[in-house]
Amino acid sequence: DFEDGVFPTGHGWSTGVTGFAWEPLVGSSATSNTGPAAARSGSYSMYVEASRNAGKAFDLTYDGRACAGQPSAMSFWYSMYGSPMGTLEVKDANGVVQWSLSGNQGDAWHQATVALPTAGFTFEAVPRGSRSDMAVDTVSVCNPVTASPSTLPSASPSKQPSASPTVALSFSPSILPSASPSMLPSTSPVVHQ
C-alpha cells in the first residue's frame, strides 16, 4: 500500500517524467461514477484524475533498484471504474508493453501479476474521457518469476492478496510537491515475509 512513509523516489520511484504525474488519493475521486471508492488498503492509493485529461499519458515509474537489477515479477491492485474508461499498461524498463487492459472493470479492486524481463517498470495510464479515473495500490516488486512473461495471462483479476510478495513498496503523499513533473522524496522498501 502507499501508507508507510513518503513517496519513495530515493528508492527508485518517479512520476510525471515522460507524461503527466499520478496523484495521491484519499477516499474516492471527486468525479462521480469513476475511480475507486477508497484505497484498496490503508487510506491512500495513487490515481489519475481524468477530468480535462482525456488522451494524455500519465507515468508512474519504478527503476527496479530493490530487485538488484534482476528480472522479476511484480503484482499490483488496480481500479478502472468508469465509462468511457481508458487504458492502463505496465511497460518494462525498455518501454515494451508487458501488460495492458482497457475498458470499465467495475467498481472493485482487481489484482494483476506481471513477469518482467527487466527489474524496472512504468505504469502508464491514458484516460479516455472525464469518467476514466484509474488507480493503483499495494504494489509488490521483486517477486520470484514462476513463468516466462509470454506464458503469464495478461491480467489476473482477483479479490484476494498475492500469497508471497517479497518486497512491497509504499508511500503516502505527505510531502508531495505541487509541480506535475516531479522527482519526489523517498523511504526504504518494506520487506514482507
N, C-alpha and C. Protein backbone atom coordinates (compact mmCIF):
# COMPACT_ATOMS: atom_id res chain seq x y z
N ASP A 1 0.84 -1.18 0.00
CA ASP A 1 0.00 0.00 0.00
C ASP A 1 0.88 1.23 0.00
N PHE A 2 0.30 2.39 -0.04
CA PHE A 2 1.05 3.63 -0.14
C PHE A 2 1.05 4.39 1.19
N GLU A 3 1.10 3.67 2.30
CA GLU A 3 0.93 4.29 3.62
C GLU A 3 2.21 4.49 4.41
N ASP A 4 3.21 3.65 4.25
CA ASP A 4 4.37 3.63 5.15
C ASP A 4 5.47 4.59 4.75
N GLY A 5 5.36 5.83 5.11
CA GLY A 5 6.40 6.79 4.81
C GLY A 5 5.97 7.79 3.77
N VAL A 6 6.88 8.11 2.86
CA VAL A 6 6.61 9.09 1.82
C VAL A 6 6.89 8.49 0.45
N PHE A 7 6.50 9.17 -0.59
CA PHE A 7 6.71 8.69 -1.95
C PHE A 7 8.17 8.31 -2.13
N PRO A 8 8.49 7.03 -2.44
CA PRO A 8 9.86 6.52 -2.37
C PRO A 8 10.73 6.77 -3.60
N THR A 9 10.86 8.02 -4.05
CA THR A 9 11.70 8.30 -5.21
C THR A 9 13.14 7.90 -4.96
N GLY A 10 13.67 8.14 -3.78
CA GLY A 10 15.05 7.76 -3.48
C GLY A 10 15.28 6.28 -3.59
N HIS A 11 14.23 5.52 -3.60
CA HIS A 11 14.32 4.08 -3.79
C HIS A 11 13.76 3.68 -5.14
N GLY A 12 13.81 4.60 -6.07
CA GLY A 12 13.53 4.26 -7.44
C GLY A 12 12.22 4.70 -8.05
N TRP A 13 11.37 5.43 -7.34
CA TRP A 13 10.07 5.83 -7.89
C TRP A 13 10.12 7.27 -8.41
N SER A 14 9.41 7.51 -9.50
CA SER A 14 9.23 8.86 -10.03
C SER A 14 7.88 8.91 -10.75
N THR A 15 7.36 10.11 -10.93
CA THR A 15 6.11 10.27 -11.66
C THR A 15 6.14 11.59 -12.43
N GLY A 16 5.46 11.61 -13.57
CA GLY A 16 5.42 12.81 -14.38
C GLY A 16 6.69 13.10 -15.15
N VAL A 17 7.52 12.09 -15.37
CA VAL A 17 8.80 12.29 -16.07
C VAL A 17 8.59 12.34 -17.58
N THR A 18 7.86 11.40 -18.14
CA THR A 18 7.62 11.38 -19.59
C THR A 18 6.20 11.80 -19.95
N GLY A 19 5.38 12.01 -18.95
CA GLY A 19 3.99 12.42 -19.18
C GLY A 19 3.52 13.23 -18.00
N PHE A 20 2.27 13.04 -17.64
CA PHE A 20 1.69 13.75 -16.51
C PHE A 20 1.86 12.92 -15.25
N ALA A 21 1.80 13.57 -14.09
CA ALA A 21 2.05 12.90 -12.81
C ALA A 21 0.79 12.26 -12.23
N TRP A 22 0.96 11.06 -11.67
CA TRP A 22 -0.08 10.42 -10.87
C TRP A 22 -0.19 11.22 -9.58
N GLU A 23 -1.36 11.15 -8.94
CA GLU A 23 -1.60 11.90 -7.71
C GLU A 23 -2.02 10.95 -6.59
N PRO A 24 -1.73 11.32 -5.34
CA PRO A 24 -2.24 10.53 -4.22
C PRO A 24 -3.74 10.76 -4.09
N LEU A 25 -4.45 9.74 -3.68
CA LEU A 25 -5.90 9.85 -3.49
C LEU A 25 -6.26 9.29 -2.13
N VAL A 26 -6.98 10.08 -1.35
CA VAL A 26 -7.54 9.64 -0.08
C VAL A 26 -9.04 9.52 -0.31
N GLY A 27 -9.60 8.35 -0.08
CA GLY A 27 -11.03 8.17 -0.29
C GLY A 27 -11.34 8.03 -1.77
N SER A 28 -12.45 8.64 -2.18
CA SER A 28 -12.90 8.48 -3.57
C SER A 28 -12.52 9.68 -4.42
N SER A 29 -12.61 9.48 -5.72
CA SER A 29 -12.37 10.53 -6.70
C SER A 29 -13.43 11.61 -6.54
N ALA A 30 -13.07 12.85 -6.90
CA ALA A 30 -14.03 13.96 -6.83
C ALA A 30 -15.12 13.84 -7.89
N THR A 31 -14.86 13.07 -8.94
CA THR A 31 -15.83 12.88 -10.02
C THR A 31 -16.68 11.66 -9.70
N SER A 32 -18.01 11.78 -9.81
CA SER A 32 -18.88 10.64 -9.50
C SER A 32 -18.80 9.57 -10.59
N ASN A 33 -19.12 8.35 -10.21
CA ASN A 33 -19.19 7.21 -11.12
C ASN A 33 -17.87 6.88 -11.81
N THR A 34 -16.76 7.13 -11.14
CA THR A 34 -15.45 6.75 -11.66
C THR A 34 -14.45 6.69 -10.52
N GLY A 35 -13.37 5.97 -10.72
CA GLY A 35 -12.34 5.85 -9.70
C GLY A 35 -12.76 4.93 -8.58
N PRO A 36 -11.83 4.62 -7.67
CA PRO A 36 -12.16 3.76 -6.54
C PRO A 36 -12.97 4.50 -5.48
N ALA A 37 -13.75 3.76 -4.71
CA ALA A 37 -14.50 4.34 -3.60
C ALA A 37 -13.57 4.64 -2.42
N ALA A 38 -12.46 3.89 -2.33
CA ALA A 38 -11.46 4.04 -1.27
C ALA A 38 -10.21 3.30 -1.71
N ALA A 39 -9.12 3.51 -0.98
CA ALA A 39 -7.89 2.77 -1.25
C ALA A 39 -8.15 1.28 -1.05
N ARG A 40 -7.38 0.45 -1.69
CA ARG A 40 -7.52 -0.99 -1.52
C ARG A 40 -7.10 -1.38 -0.10
N SER A 41 -6.04 -0.76 0.40
CA SER A 41 -5.66 -0.98 1.80
C SER A 41 -5.15 0.35 2.34
N GLY A 42 -5.39 0.61 3.59
CA GLY A 42 -4.99 1.87 4.19
C GLY A 42 -5.85 3.02 3.68
N SER A 43 -5.27 4.22 3.65
CA SER A 43 -6.01 5.41 3.26
C SER A 43 -5.69 5.92 1.86
N TYR A 44 -4.47 5.63 1.35
CA TYR A 44 -4.01 6.22 0.11
C TYR A 44 -3.86 5.21 -1.02
N SER A 45 -4.18 5.65 -2.23
CA SER A 45 -3.80 4.97 -3.46
C SER A 45 -3.21 6.05 -4.36
N MET A 46 -2.61 5.65 -5.48
CA MET A 46 -2.14 6.61 -6.47
C MET A 46 -3.11 6.53 -7.64
N TYR A 47 -3.51 7.72 -8.16
CA TYR A 47 -4.53 7.70 -9.20
C TYR A 47 -4.28 8.76 -10.26
N VAL A 48 -5.03 8.61 -11.35
CA VAL A 48 -5.01 9.53 -12.47
C VAL A 48 -6.36 10.24 -12.49
N GLU A 49 -6.34 11.55 -12.41
CA GLU A 49 -7.55 12.37 -12.50
C GLU A 49 -7.85 12.61 -13.98
N ALA A 50 -8.94 12.03 -14.47
CA ALA A 50 -9.24 12.05 -15.90
C ALA A 50 -9.89 13.35 -16.37
N SER A 51 -10.53 14.09 -15.50
CA SER A 51 -11.20 15.33 -15.91
C SER A 51 -10.22 16.25 -16.63
N ARG A 52 -10.59 16.71 -17.81
CA ARG A 52 -9.77 17.59 -18.65
C ARG A 52 -8.45 16.95 -19.08
N ASN A 53 -8.30 15.63 -18.94
CA ASN A 53 -7.05 14.96 -19.28
C ASN A 53 -7.22 13.79 -20.24
N ALA A 54 -8.34 13.71 -20.92
CA ALA A 54 -8.57 12.60 -21.85
C ALA A 54 -7.47 12.58 -22.92
N GLY A 55 -6.95 11.39 -23.17
CA GLY A 55 -5.93 11.20 -24.18
C GLY A 55 -4.52 11.52 -23.74
N LYS A 56 -4.32 12.04 -22.54
CA LYS A 56 -2.99 12.36 -22.04
C LYS A 56 -2.39 11.14 -21.32
N ALA A 57 -1.09 10.95 -21.45
CA ALA A 57 -0.40 9.83 -20.80
C ALA A 57 0.13 10.25 -19.44
N PHE A 58 -0.07 9.41 -18.44
CA PHE A 58 0.41 9.61 -17.08
C PHE A 58 1.39 8.48 -16.76
N ASP A 59 2.56 8.81 -16.20
CA ASP A 59 3.54 7.76 -15.89
C ASP A 59 3.88 7.72 -14.41
N LEU A 60 4.04 6.50 -13.91
CA LEU A 60 4.49 6.22 -12.55
C LEU A 60 5.54 5.12 -12.70
N THR A 61 6.81 5.46 -12.48
CA THR A 61 7.93 4.57 -12.82
C THR A 61 8.69 4.10 -11.60
N TYR A 62 9.06 2.81 -11.64
CA TYR A 62 9.94 2.22 -10.63
C TYR A 62 11.19 1.74 -11.35
N ASP A 63 12.39 2.12 -10.86
CA ASP A 63 13.62 1.78 -11.58
C ASP A 63 14.17 0.40 -11.26
N GLY A 64 13.59 -0.32 -10.33
CA GLY A 64 13.98 -1.71 -10.07
C GLY A 64 15.12 -1.91 -9.11
N ARG A 65 15.59 -0.86 -8.45
CA ARG A 65 16.78 -1.00 -7.62
C ARG A 65 16.65 -2.00 -6.48
N ALA A 66 15.49 -2.24 -5.93
CA ALA A 66 15.34 -3.23 -4.85
C ALA A 66 15.47 -4.65 -5.36
N CYS A 67 15.39 -4.83 -6.67
CA CYS A 67 15.46 -6.16 -7.29
C CYS A 67 16.87 -6.49 -7.76
N ALA A 68 17.86 -5.70 -7.39
CA ALA A 68 19.26 -5.91 -7.76
C ALA A 68 19.44 -6.09 -9.26
N GLY A 69 18.60 -5.39 -10.04
CA GLY A 69 18.73 -5.42 -11.48
C GLY A 69 18.29 -6.71 -12.15
N GLN A 70 17.72 -7.64 -11.39
CA GLN A 70 17.30 -8.93 -11.93
C GLN A 70 15.86 -8.88 -12.41
N PRO A 71 15.55 -9.56 -13.51
CA PRO A 71 14.15 -9.68 -13.92
C PRO A 71 13.34 -10.33 -12.79
N SER A 72 12.11 -9.92 -12.66
CA SER A 72 11.27 -10.47 -11.60
C SER A 72 9.82 -10.24 -11.97
N ALA A 73 8.96 -10.74 -11.12
CA ALA A 73 7.53 -10.48 -11.30
C ALA A 73 7.12 -9.37 -10.34
N MET A 74 6.12 -8.63 -10.74
CA MET A 74 5.55 -7.62 -9.86
C MET A 74 4.05 -7.84 -9.83
N SER A 75 3.44 -7.46 -8.73
CA SER A 75 1.98 -7.55 -8.66
C SER A 75 1.45 -6.23 -8.12
N PHE A 76 0.22 -5.96 -8.45
CA PHE A 76 -0.39 -4.71 -8.03
C PHE A 76 -1.90 -4.88 -8.07
N TRP A 77 -2.59 -3.97 -7.40
CA TRP A 77 -4.04 -3.90 -7.43
C TRP A 77 -4.42 -2.66 -8.22
N TYR A 78 -5.46 -2.74 -9.02
CA TYR A 78 -5.86 -1.62 -9.85
C TYR A 78 -7.37 -1.43 -9.79
N SER A 79 -7.78 -0.18 -10.01
CA SER A 79 -9.19 0.19 -10.13
C SER A 79 -9.34 0.90 -11.46
N MET A 80 -10.28 0.40 -12.27
CA MET A 80 -10.59 1.02 -13.56
C MET A 80 -12.11 1.08 -13.70
N TYR A 81 -12.72 1.92 -12.89
CA TYR A 81 -14.17 2.05 -12.86
C TYR A 81 -14.58 3.35 -13.53
N GLY A 82 -15.47 3.26 -14.50
CA GLY A 82 -15.99 4.43 -15.17
C GLY A 82 -16.15 4.17 -16.66
N SER A 83 -16.88 5.07 -17.32
CA SER A 83 -17.10 4.91 -18.74
C SER A 83 -17.25 6.28 -19.39
N PRO A 84 -16.53 6.54 -20.47
CA PRO A 84 -15.65 5.59 -21.14
C PRO A 84 -14.32 5.48 -20.39
N MET A 85 -13.84 4.28 -20.18
CA MET A 85 -12.58 4.04 -19.48
C MET A 85 -11.45 4.02 -20.48
N GLY A 86 -10.28 4.38 -20.06
CA GLY A 86 -9.10 4.38 -20.91
C GLY A 86 -8.31 3.10 -20.80
N THR A 87 -6.98 3.22 -20.88
CA THR A 87 -6.07 2.07 -20.89
C THR A 87 -5.03 2.23 -19.81
N LEU A 88 -4.75 1.13 -19.10
CA LEU A 88 -3.67 1.05 -18.12
C LEU A 88 -2.68 0.02 -18.64
N GLU A 89 -1.40 0.40 -18.66
CA GLU A 89 -0.36 -0.51 -19.14
C GLU A 89 0.77 -0.59 -18.13
N VAL A 90 1.48 -1.73 -18.16
CA VAL A 90 2.75 -1.88 -17.46
C VAL A 90 3.79 -2.08 -18.55
N LYS A 91 4.79 -1.19 -18.57
CA LYS A 91 5.87 -1.28 -19.55
C LYS A 91 7.16 -1.64 -18.82
N ASP A 92 7.99 -2.47 -19.44
CA ASP A 92 9.27 -2.79 -18.83
C ASP A 92 10.21 -1.58 -18.98
N ALA A 93 11.43 -1.70 -18.46
CA ALA A 93 12.36 -0.58 -18.47
C ALA A 93 12.77 -0.17 -19.88
N ASN A 94 12.53 -1.02 -20.86
CA ASN A 94 12.84 -0.70 -22.25
C ASN A 94 11.65 -0.06 -22.97
N GLY A 95 10.55 0.14 -22.26
CA GLY A 95 9.36 0.74 -22.85
C GLY A 95 8.45 -0.22 -23.58
N VAL A 96 8.70 -1.53 -23.43
CA VAL A 96 7.89 -2.54 -24.10
C VAL A 96 6.69 -2.89 -23.20
N VAL A 97 5.49 -2.86 -23.76
CA VAL A 97 4.28 -3.17 -23.01
C VAL A 97 4.29 -4.65 -22.62
N GLN A 98 4.17 -4.93 -21.32
CA GLN A 98 4.13 -6.29 -20.81
C GLN A 98 2.74 -6.68 -20.32
N TRP A 99 1.89 -5.69 -20.07
CA TRP A 99 0.52 -5.92 -19.59
C TRP A 99 -0.30 -4.71 -20.00
N SER A 100 -1.53 -4.95 -20.45
CA SER A 100 -2.38 -3.86 -20.87
C SER A 100 -3.84 -4.24 -20.64
N LEU A 101 -4.63 -3.28 -20.22
CA LEU A 101 -6.05 -3.51 -20.00
C LEU A 101 -6.80 -2.23 -20.31
N SER A 102 -7.92 -2.37 -21.02
CA SER A 102 -8.75 -1.22 -21.37
C SER A 102 -10.19 -1.50 -20.98
N GLY A 103 -10.94 -0.44 -20.78
CA GLY A 103 -12.37 -0.58 -20.54
C GLY A 103 -12.74 -0.64 -19.07
N ASN A 104 -14.02 -0.41 -18.81
CA ASN A 104 -14.57 -0.40 -17.46
C ASN A 104 -14.45 -1.79 -16.83
N GLN A 105 -13.81 -1.87 -15.68
CA GLN A 105 -13.63 -3.15 -14.97
C GLN A 105 -14.55 -3.24 -13.74
N GLY A 106 -15.48 -2.30 -13.59
CA GLY A 106 -16.41 -2.33 -12.48
C GLY A 106 -15.87 -1.62 -11.25
N ASP A 107 -16.75 -1.43 -10.30
CA ASP A 107 -16.43 -0.68 -9.09
C ASP A 107 -15.82 -1.61 -8.04
N ALA A 108 -14.61 -2.11 -8.32
CA ALA A 108 -13.90 -3.02 -7.41
C ALA A 108 -12.41 -2.95 -7.71
N TRP A 109 -11.61 -3.36 -6.75
CA TRP A 109 -10.18 -3.51 -6.96
C TRP A 109 -9.92 -4.90 -7.52
N HIS A 110 -8.96 -5.00 -8.45
CA HIS A 110 -8.56 -6.27 -9.05
C HIS A 110 -7.05 -6.37 -8.96
N GLN A 111 -6.55 -7.61 -8.93
CA GLN A 111 -5.10 -7.82 -8.84
C GLN A 111 -4.56 -8.34 -10.16
N ALA A 112 -3.35 -7.90 -10.50
CA ALA A 112 -2.64 -8.42 -11.66
C ALA A 112 -1.21 -8.74 -11.25
N THR A 113 -0.64 -9.76 -11.86
CA THR A 113 0.76 -10.13 -11.68
C THR A 113 1.41 -10.15 -13.04
N VAL A 114 2.57 -9.52 -13.15
CA VAL A 114 3.25 -9.38 -14.43
C VAL A 114 4.70 -9.81 -14.29
N ALA A 115 5.14 -10.79 -15.09
CA ALA A 115 6.55 -11.16 -15.15
C ALA A 115 7.24 -10.17 -16.07
N LEU A 116 8.38 -9.67 -15.63
CA LEU A 116 9.09 -8.63 -16.39
C LEU A 116 10.48 -9.11 -16.80
N PRO A 117 10.94 -8.76 -18.01
CA PRO A 117 12.30 -9.09 -18.41
C PRO A 117 13.33 -8.12 -17.82
N THR A 118 12.86 -7.03 -17.22
CA THR A 118 13.72 -6.04 -16.58
C THR A 118 13.23 -5.83 -15.15
N ALA A 119 14.09 -5.32 -14.29
CA ALA A 119 13.68 -5.07 -12.90
C ALA A 119 12.78 -3.83 -12.79
N GLY A 120 13.00 -2.85 -13.63
CA GLY A 120 12.21 -1.63 -13.58
C GLY A 120 10.97 -1.72 -14.46
N PHE A 121 10.01 -0.83 -14.19
CA PHE A 121 8.77 -0.81 -14.97
C PHE A 121 8.09 0.54 -14.80
N THR A 122 7.12 0.78 -15.68
CA THR A 122 6.31 2.00 -15.62
C THR A 122 4.84 1.65 -15.74
N PHE A 123 4.03 2.23 -14.86
CA PHE A 123 2.58 2.22 -15.06
C PHE A 123 2.29 3.40 -15.98
N GLU A 124 1.59 3.15 -17.09
CA GLU A 124 1.16 4.25 -17.94
C GLU A 124 -0.35 4.18 -18.07
N ALA A 125 -1.00 5.28 -17.74
CA ALA A 125 -2.46 5.36 -17.82
C ALA A 125 -2.82 6.44 -18.83
N VAL A 126 -3.77 6.12 -19.71
CA VAL A 126 -4.27 7.08 -20.67
C VAL A 126 -5.79 7.10 -20.56
N PRO A 127 -6.35 8.11 -19.87
CA PRO A 127 -7.81 8.21 -19.74
C PRO A 127 -8.47 8.45 -21.10
N ARG A 128 -9.69 7.94 -21.25
CA ARG A 128 -10.41 8.13 -22.50
C ARG A 128 -11.46 9.25 -22.40
N GLY A 129 -11.94 9.50 -21.21
CA GLY A 129 -12.96 10.53 -21.00
C GLY A 129 -12.90 11.03 -19.57
N SER A 130 -13.80 11.95 -19.22
CA SER A 130 -13.77 12.54 -17.88
C SER A 130 -14.15 11.55 -16.78
N ARG A 131 -14.76 10.43 -17.14
CA ARG A 131 -15.11 9.41 -16.14
C ARG A 131 -14.23 8.18 -16.31
N SER A 132 -12.92 8.41 -16.43
CA SER A 132 -12.00 7.27 -16.55
C SER A 132 -10.83 7.43 -15.58
N ASP A 133 -11.15 7.78 -14.32
CA ASP A 133 -10.12 7.82 -13.28
C ASP A 133 -9.63 6.40 -13.02
N MET A 134 -8.31 6.22 -12.98
CA MET A 134 -7.68 4.92 -12.71
C MET A 134 -6.80 5.04 -11.48
N ALA A 135 -6.63 3.94 -10.76
CA ALA A 135 -5.79 3.96 -9.56
C ALA A 135 -5.03 2.64 -9.43
N VAL A 136 -3.88 2.70 -8.74
CA VAL A 136 -3.13 1.51 -8.36
C VAL A 136 -2.85 1.58 -6.87
N ASP A 137 -2.68 0.42 -6.27
CA ASP A 137 -2.40 0.33 -4.83
C ASP A 137 -1.70 -1.00 -4.58
N THR A 138 -1.05 -1.12 -3.44
CA THR A 138 -0.42 -2.35 -2.96
C THR A 138 0.46 -2.97 -4.04
N VAL A 139 1.47 -2.23 -4.46
CA VAL A 139 2.42 -2.71 -5.47
C VAL A 139 3.50 -3.54 -4.78
N SER A 140 3.74 -4.74 -5.31
CA SER A 140 4.75 -5.64 -4.76
C SER A 140 5.76 -5.96 -5.87
N VAL A 141 7.05 -5.75 -5.60
CA VAL A 141 8.09 -5.99 -6.59
C VAL A 141 9.06 -7.05 -6.13
N CYS A 142 9.92 -7.49 -7.03
CA CYS A 142 10.98 -8.47 -6.75
C CYS A 142 10.41 -9.83 -6.38
N ASN A 143 9.25 -10.18 -6.88
CA ASN A 143 8.68 -11.50 -6.63
C ASN A 143 9.38 -12.51 -7.53
N PRO A 144 9.54 -13.75 -7.08
CA PRO A 144 10.16 -14.76 -7.94
C PRO A 144 9.36 -14.95 -9.22
N VAL A 145 10.06 -15.12 -10.33
CA VAL A 145 9.40 -15.37 -11.60
C VAL A 145 9.13 -16.86 -11.68
N THR A 146 7.84 -17.22 -11.80
CA THR A 146 7.47 -18.63 -11.86
C THR A 146 7.06 -19.05 -13.25
N ALA A 147 6.99 -18.10 -14.17
CA ALA A 147 6.67 -18.41 -15.57
C ALA A 147 7.30 -17.33 -16.42
N SER A 148 7.53 -17.64 -17.68
CA SER A 148 8.09 -16.62 -18.56
C SER A 148 7.01 -15.58 -18.85
N PRO A 149 7.40 -14.35 -19.20
CA PRO A 149 6.40 -13.32 -19.47
C PRO A 149 5.38 -13.75 -20.53
N SER A 150 5.80 -14.55 -21.50
CA SER A 150 4.88 -14.92 -22.58
C SER A 150 3.84 -15.95 -22.14
N THR A 151 4.06 -16.63 -21.01
CA THR A 151 3.09 -17.64 -20.59
C THR A 151 2.15 -17.15 -19.50
N LEU A 152 2.42 -15.97 -18.94
CA LEU A 152 1.51 -15.44 -17.93
C LEU A 152 0.30 -14.81 -18.60
N PRO A 153 -0.88 -14.92 -17.98
CA PRO A 153 -2.04 -14.22 -18.54
C PRO A 153 -1.80 -12.73 -18.46
N SER A 154 -2.46 -11.96 -19.34
CA SER A 154 -2.25 -10.52 -19.36
C SER A 154 -2.80 -9.85 -18.11
N ALA A 155 -3.80 -10.44 -17.49
CA ALA A 155 -4.35 -9.89 -16.26
C ALA A 155 -4.83 -11.04 -15.40
N SER A 156 -4.64 -10.90 -14.10
CA SER A 156 -5.10 -11.92 -13.17
C SER A 156 -6.03 -11.28 -12.16
N PRO A 157 -7.26 -10.93 -12.56
CA PRO A 157 -8.16 -10.30 -11.60
C PRO A 157 -8.41 -11.21 -10.41
N SER A 158 -8.42 -10.62 -9.25
CA SER A 158 -8.60 -11.38 -8.02
C SER A 158 -9.04 -10.41 -6.94
N LYS A 159 -9.71 -10.91 -5.94
CA LYS A 159 -10.05 -10.07 -4.80
C LYS A 159 -9.29 -10.50 -3.56
N GLN A 160 -8.32 -11.41 -3.70
CA GLN A 160 -7.51 -11.86 -2.59
C GLN A 160 -6.07 -11.41 -2.82
N PRO A 161 -5.33 -11.07 -1.75
CA PRO A 161 -3.95 -10.64 -1.94
C PRO A 161 -3.06 -11.77 -2.41
N SER A 162 -1.96 -11.41 -3.04
CA SER A 162 -0.96 -12.35 -3.50
C SER A 162 -0.37 -13.08 -2.30
N ALA A 163 -0.03 -14.35 -2.46
CA ALA A 163 0.41 -15.18 -1.35
C ALA A 163 1.80 -14.86 -0.84
N SER A 164 2.75 -14.46 -1.71
CA SER A 164 4.11 -14.32 -1.22
C SER A 164 4.87 -13.16 -1.85
N PRO A 165 4.42 -11.92 -1.60
CA PRO A 165 5.23 -10.82 -2.11
C PRO A 165 6.55 -10.74 -1.38
N THR A 166 7.63 -10.41 -2.07
CA THR A 166 8.94 -10.33 -1.46
C THR A 166 9.22 -8.93 -0.93
N VAL A 167 8.99 -7.92 -1.75
CA VAL A 167 9.22 -6.55 -1.33
C VAL A 167 8.01 -5.72 -1.74
N ALA A 168 7.40 -5.09 -0.78
CA ALA A 168 6.28 -4.20 -1.09
C ALA A 168 6.75 -2.77 -0.84
N LEU A 169 6.57 -1.91 -1.81
CA LEU A 169 6.96 -0.52 -1.67
C LEU A 169 5.74 0.30 -1.36
N SER A 170 5.90 1.26 -0.46
CA SER A 170 4.74 2.03 -0.06
C SER A 170 5.12 3.47 0.18
N PHE A 171 4.11 4.33 0.06
CA PHE A 171 4.34 5.75 0.29
C PHE A 171 3.03 6.46 0.54
N SER A 172 3.14 7.63 1.18
CA SER A 172 1.99 8.50 1.34
C SER A 172 2.38 9.87 0.81
N PRO A 173 1.42 10.70 0.51
CA PRO A 173 1.71 11.96 -0.17
C PRO A 173 2.04 13.12 0.74
N SER A 174 2.48 12.88 1.95
CA SER A 174 2.60 13.96 2.92
C SER A 174 3.55 15.07 2.50
N ILE A 175 4.50 14.80 1.60
CA ILE A 175 5.40 15.88 1.20
C ILE A 175 5.50 16.00 -0.32
N LEU A 176 4.43 15.67 -1.02
CA LEU A 176 4.44 15.79 -2.47
C LEU A 176 4.51 17.26 -2.89
N PRO A 177 5.40 17.58 -3.84
CA PRO A 177 5.41 18.95 -4.34
C PRO A 177 4.22 19.18 -5.27
N SER A 178 3.94 20.44 -5.56
CA SER A 178 2.78 20.74 -6.38
C SER A 178 3.07 20.66 -7.87
N ALA A 179 4.31 20.66 -8.30
CA ALA A 179 4.64 20.61 -9.73
C ALA A 179 4.34 19.23 -10.29
N SER A 180 3.81 19.17 -11.51
CA SER A 180 3.48 17.89 -12.13
C SER A 180 4.71 17.03 -12.41
N PRO A 181 5.65 17.46 -13.28
CA PRO A 181 6.82 16.61 -13.48
C PRO A 181 7.64 16.67 -12.21
N SER A 182 7.80 15.50 -11.56
CA SER A 182 8.46 15.57 -10.27
C SER A 182 9.28 14.35 -9.95
N MET A 183 10.28 14.57 -9.18
CA MET A 183 11.04 13.52 -8.53
C MET A 183 10.78 13.75 -7.05
N LEU A 184 10.24 12.78 -6.36
CA LEU A 184 9.75 13.00 -5.02
C LEU A 184 10.60 12.32 -3.96
N PRO A 185 10.60 12.80 -2.71
CA PRO A 185 11.41 12.22 -1.63
C PRO A 185 11.07 10.76 -1.37
N SER A 186 11.90 10.09 -0.56
CA SER A 186 11.80 8.64 -0.51
C SER A 186 11.85 8.03 0.87
N THR A 187 11.50 6.73 0.91
CA THR A 187 11.69 5.89 2.08
C THR A 187 12.19 4.54 1.62
N SER A 188 12.55 3.71 2.57
CA SER A 188 13.04 2.37 2.24
C SER A 188 11.91 1.42 1.90
N PRO A 189 12.22 0.39 1.09
CA PRO A 189 11.20 -0.62 0.82
C PRO A 189 10.83 -1.36 2.09
N VAL A 190 9.62 -1.86 2.15
CA VAL A 190 9.15 -2.64 3.27
C VAL A 190 9.22 -4.10 2.87
N VAL A 191 9.90 -4.93 3.64
CA VAL A 191 10.05 -6.34 3.32
C VAL A 191 8.99 -7.12 4.07
N HIS A 192 8.24 -7.96 3.34
CA HIS A 192 7.21 -8.80 3.93
C HIS A 192 7.64 -10.25 3.86
N GLN A 193 7.46 -10.99 4.90
CA GLN A 193 7.80 -12.43 4.91
C GLN A 193 6.61 -13.25 4.57
